[in-house]
Amino acid sequence: MKTTIEIPDETFGTLLRLTRAKTKRDAILAAIEDYNRRHQVEALVATFGTWKMDSNDELESADMEDARRSK
């Protein structure tokens, strides 16, 4: 789809630099894909909510307990 838009030079220059895109088209596609991916992740997180993650110490303790039980 062809679209004509005005993007400030400084903003577009930053986009080109951050995406390391070789063409303007590639830079715009990278930005759109990143935007879409971020919103999909946000929706997924909202769907599942939050959960408590065990600390590294808790995981290691559980691993050691499992190892003791298997002996």
C-alpha atoms as a PDB file:
ATOM      1  CA  MET A   1       0.000   0.000   0.000  1.00  0.00           C
ATOM      2  CA  LYS A   2       1.412   3.370  -0.935  1.00  0.00           C
ATOM      3  CA  THR A   3       1.097   6.155   1.605  1.00  0.00           C
ATOM      4  CA  THR A   4       2.525   9.649   1.716  1.00  0.00           C
ATOM      5  CA  ILE A   5       3.299  11.070   5.160  1.00  0.00           C
ATOM      6  CA  GLU A   6       5.456  13.815   6.574  1.00  0.00           C
ATOM      7  CA  ILE A   7       7.941  12.678   9.204  1.00  0.00           C
ATOM      8  CA  PRO A   8      10.300  15.169  10.840  1.00  0.00           C
ATOM      9  CA  ASP A   9      13.869  14.717   9.566  1.00  0.00           C
ATOM     10  CA  GLU A  10      15.324  14.309  13.060  1.00  0.00           C
ATOM     11  CA  THR A  11      12.772  11.645  14.004  1.00  0.00           C
ATOM     12  CA  PHE A  12      13.323   9.721  10.793  1.00  0.00           C
ATOM     13  CA  GLY A  13      17.089  10.037  11.104  1.00  0.00           C
ATOM     14  CA  THR A  14      16.899   8.505  14.571  1.00  0.00           C
ATOM     15  CA  LEU A  15      14.741   5.675  13.222  1.00  0.00           C
ATOM     16  CA  LEU A  16      17.249   4.947  10.460  1.00  0.00           C
ATOM     17  CA  ARG A  17      20.111   4.933  12.939  1.00  0.00           C
ATOM     18  CA  LEU A  18      18.354   2.711  15.489  1.00  0.00           C
ATOM     19  CA  THR A  19      17.032   0.185  12.978  1.00  0.00           C
ATOM     20  CA  ARG A  20      20.233   0.206  10.910  1.00  0.00           C
ATOM     21  CA  ALA A  21      17.951  -0.139   7.912  1.00  0.00           C
ATOM     22  CA  LYS A  22      19.404   0.369   4.471  1.00  0.00           C
ATOM     23  CA  THR A  23      16.231   1.905   3.036  1.00  0.00           C
ATOM     24  CA  LYS A  24      13.460   4.136   4.305  1.00  0.00           C
ATOM     25  CA  ARG A  25      10.959   1.374   3.560  1.00  0.00           C
ATOM     26  CA  ASP A  26      12.895  -1.131   5.676  1.00  0.00           C
ATOM     27  CA  ALA A  27      13.099   1.355   8.558  1.00  0.00           C
ATOM     28  CA  ILE A  28       9.351   1.990   8.491  1.00  0.00           C
ATOM     29  CA  LEU A  29       8.579  -1.744   8.311  1.00  0.00           C
ATOM     30  CA  ALA A  30      10.906  -2.440  11.239  1.00  0.00           C
ATOM     31  CA  ALA A  31       9.196   0.258  13.303  1.00  0.00           C
ATOM     32  CA  ILE A  32       5.709  -1.032  12.485  1.00  0.00           C
ATOM     33  CA  GLU A  33       6.677  -4.646  13.220  1.00  0.00           C
ATOM     34  CA  ASP A  34       8.238  -3.609  16.536  1.00  0.00           C
ATOM     35  CA  TYR A  35       5.128  -1.626  17.455  1.00  0.00           C
ATOM     36  CA  ASN A  36       2.848  -4.559  16.605  1.00  0.00           C
ATOM     37  CA  ARG A  37       5.035  -7.046  18.512  1.00  0.00           C
ATOM     38  CA  ARG A  38       5.099  -4.881  21.633  1.00  0.00           C
ATOM     39  CA  HIS A  39       1.320  -4.528  21.669  1.00  0.00           C
ATOM     40  CA  GLN A  40       0.844  -8.264  21.127  1.00  0.00           C
ATOM     41  CA  VAL A  41       3.124  -8.983  24.091  1.00  0.00           C
ATOM     42  CA  GLU A  42       1.236  -6.474  26.239  1.00  0.00           C
ATOM     43  CA  ALA A  43      -2.050  -8.154  25.308  1.00  0.00           C
ATOM     44  CA  LEU A  44      -0.627 -11.585  26.114  1.00  0.00           C
ATOM     45  CA  VAL A  45       0.655 -10.430  29.497  1.00  0.00           C
ATOM     46  CA  ALA A  46      -2.708  -8.842  30.268  1.00  0.00           C
ATOM     47  CA  THR A  47      -4.446 -12.093  29.363  1.00  0.00           C
ATOM     48  CA  PHE A  48      -2.334 -14.202  31.695  1.00  0.00           C
ATOM     49  CA  GLY A  49      -1.877 -11.607  34.400  1.00  0.00           C
ATOM     50  CA  THR A  50       1.103 -11.716  36.684  1.00  0.00           C
ATOM     51  CA  TRP A  51       2.655 -14.553  38.591  1.00  0.00           C
ATOM     52  CA  LYS A  52       5.280 -14.995  41.274  1.00  0.00           C
ATOM     53  CA  MET A  53       8.601 -16.200  40.001  1.00  0.00           C
ATOM     54  CA  ASP A  54      10.842 -18.169  42.310  1.00  0.00           C
ATOM     55  CA  SER A  55      14.192 -16.622  43.151  1.00  0.00           C
ATOM     56  CA  ASN A  56      17.403 -18.313  42.101  1.00  0.00           C
ATOM     57  CA  ASP A  57      17.988 -19.421  45.700  1.00  0.00           C
ATOM     58  CA  GLU A  58      14.547 -21.040  45.839  1.00  0.00           C
ATOM     59  CA  LEU A  59      15.159 -22.856  42.537  1.00  0.00           C
ATOM     60  CA  GLU A  60      18.561 -24.139  43.669  1.00  0.00           C
ATOM     61  CA  SER A  61      17.107 -25.277  46.983  1.00  0.00           C
ATOM     62  CA  ALA A  62      14.362 -27.191  45.184  1.00  0.00           C
ATOM     63  CA  ASP A  63      16.926 -28.767  42.832  1.00  0.00           C
ATOM     64  CA  MET A  64      19.050 -29.901  45.790  1.00  0.00           C
ATOM     65  CA  GLU A  65      15.970 -31.342  47.491  1.00  0.00           C
ATOM     66  CA  ASP A  66      15.068 -33.262  44.332  1.00  0.00           C
ATOM     67  CA  ALA A  67      18.635 -34.580  44.088  1.00  0.00           C
ATOM     68  CA  ARG A  68      18.515 -35.788  47.708  1.00  0.00           C
ATOM     69  CA  ARG A  69      15.220 -37.562  47.134  1.00  0.00           C
ATOM     70  CA  SER A  70      16.482 -39.380  44.032  1.00  0.00           C
ATOM     71  CA  LYS A  71      19.459 -40.930  45.872  1.00  0.00           C
END
